Protein backbone atom coordinates (compact mmCIF):
# COMPACT_ATOMS: atom_id res chain seq x y z
CA UNK A 1 -23.84 -6.25 2.55
CA UNK A 2 -25.97 -3.54 1.24
CA UNK A 3 -25.95 -2.52 -2.62
CA UNK A 4 -25.33 1.40 -2.94
CA UNK A 5 -27.59 1.13 -6.04
CA UNK A 6 -31.48 1.42 -5.09
CA UNK A 7 -33.48 -2.08 -6.08
CA UNK A 8 -30.43 -3.58 -7.08
CA UNK A 9 -29.73 -6.52 -3.90
CA UNK A 10 -27.95 -9.14 -5.61
CA UNK A 11 -25.18 -8.73 -6.22
CA UNK A 12 -24.60 -5.49 -4.35
CA UNK A 13 -23.05 -3.15 -6.65
CA UNK A 14 -20.78 -0.74 -4.60
CA UNK A 15 -19.97 3.01 -5.49
CA UNK A 16 -17.57 5.23 -4.01
CA UNK A 17 -15.65 4.84 -0.56
CA UNK A 18 -17.69 1.52 -0.29
CA UNK A 19 -16.47 0.24 -3.89
CA UNK A 20 -12.95 1.18 -2.62
CA UNK A 21 -13.37 -0.35 0.85
CA UNK A 22 -14.71 -4.07 -0.59
CA UNK A 23 -11.94 -4.16 -3.25
CA UNK A 24 -9.29 -3.40 -0.51
CA UNK A 25 -10.81 -6.11 1.81
CA UNK A 26 -10.72 -8.54 -1.13
CA UNK A 27 -7.41 -8.21 -2.17
CA UNK A 28 -6.02 -8.39 1.75
CA UNK A 29 -8.16 -12.05 1.54
CA UNK A 30 -5.76 -12.82 -1.52
CA UNK A 31 -2.66 -11.43 -0.73
CA UNK A 32 -2.58 -12.76 3.18
CA UNK A 33 -2.29 -16.42 1.14
CA UNK A 34 0.34 -15.16 -1.32
CA UNK A 35 3.71 -17.26 -0.63
CA UNK A 36 5.86 -15.14 1.99
CA UNK A 37 8.74 -14.44 -0.75
CA UNK A 38 6.15 -12.68 -2.95
CA UNK A 39 4.83 -10.67 0.31
CA UNK A 40 8.42 -9.69 1.71
CA UNK A 41 8.96 -8.69 -2.29
CA UNK A 42 5.67 -6.49 -2.34
CA UNK A 43 6.28 -5.12 0.76
CA UNK A 44 10.06 -4.09 -0.14
CA UNK A 45 9.02 -2.39 -3.08
CA UNK A 46 6.01 0.03 -1.04
CA UNK A 47 8.97 0.67 1.57
CA UNK A 48 11.24 1.96 -1.29
CA UNK A 49 7.97 4.06 -2.52
CA UNK A 50 7.68 5.43 0.99
CA UNK A 51 11.04 6.00 1.39
CA UNK A 52 11.48 8.51 -2.00
CA UNK A 53 8.57 9.98 -0.67
CA UNK A 54 9.58 10.98 2.63
CA UNK A 55 13.03 11.86 1.44
CA UNK A 56 11.36 14.13 -0.92
CA UNK A 57 8.91 15.76 1.46
CA UNK A 58 10.63 15.17 4.79
CA UNK A 59 13.56 17.60 5.43
CA UNK A 60 14.75 16.33 8.74
CA UNK A 61 14.58 12.86 7.19
CA UNK A 62 16.29 14.09 3.86
CA UNK A 63 18.84 15.41 6.40
CA UNK A 64 19.18 12.41 8.44
CA UNK A 65 20.28 10.55 5.35
CA UNK A 66 22.46 12.86 4.28
CA UNK A 67 24.18 12.76 7.50
CA UNK A 68 24.66 9.26 6.54
CA UNK A 69 25.76 9.55 3.07
CA UNK A 70 22.67 7.45 2.03
CA UNK A 71 20.03 8.08 -0.37
CA UNK A 72 16.52 6.40 -0.17
CA UNK A 73 17.41 3.39 -2.67
CA UNK A 74 20.13 2.54 -0.29
CA UNK A 75 17.96 1.11 2.45
CA UNK A 76 17.13 -2.51 1.98
CA UNK A 77 15.37 -4.61 4.62
CA UNK A 78 15.10 -7.76 2.38
């Protein structure tokens, strides 16, 4: 991995998109070894965030939920 800072090779210093990508890779390496229940919990939390966003920003999704008398918070896959 090459540093984004000239004349600074070790440890490499990353900025901008390279720093974000490096951080994500590091976190994925850690998270793939988490206990399964912790992974499921975090995935469910992210799903709840996605459902709220989709409900607020996608009329057809909001309509489908309304047709079933559901709110995003009522959808649970855990």
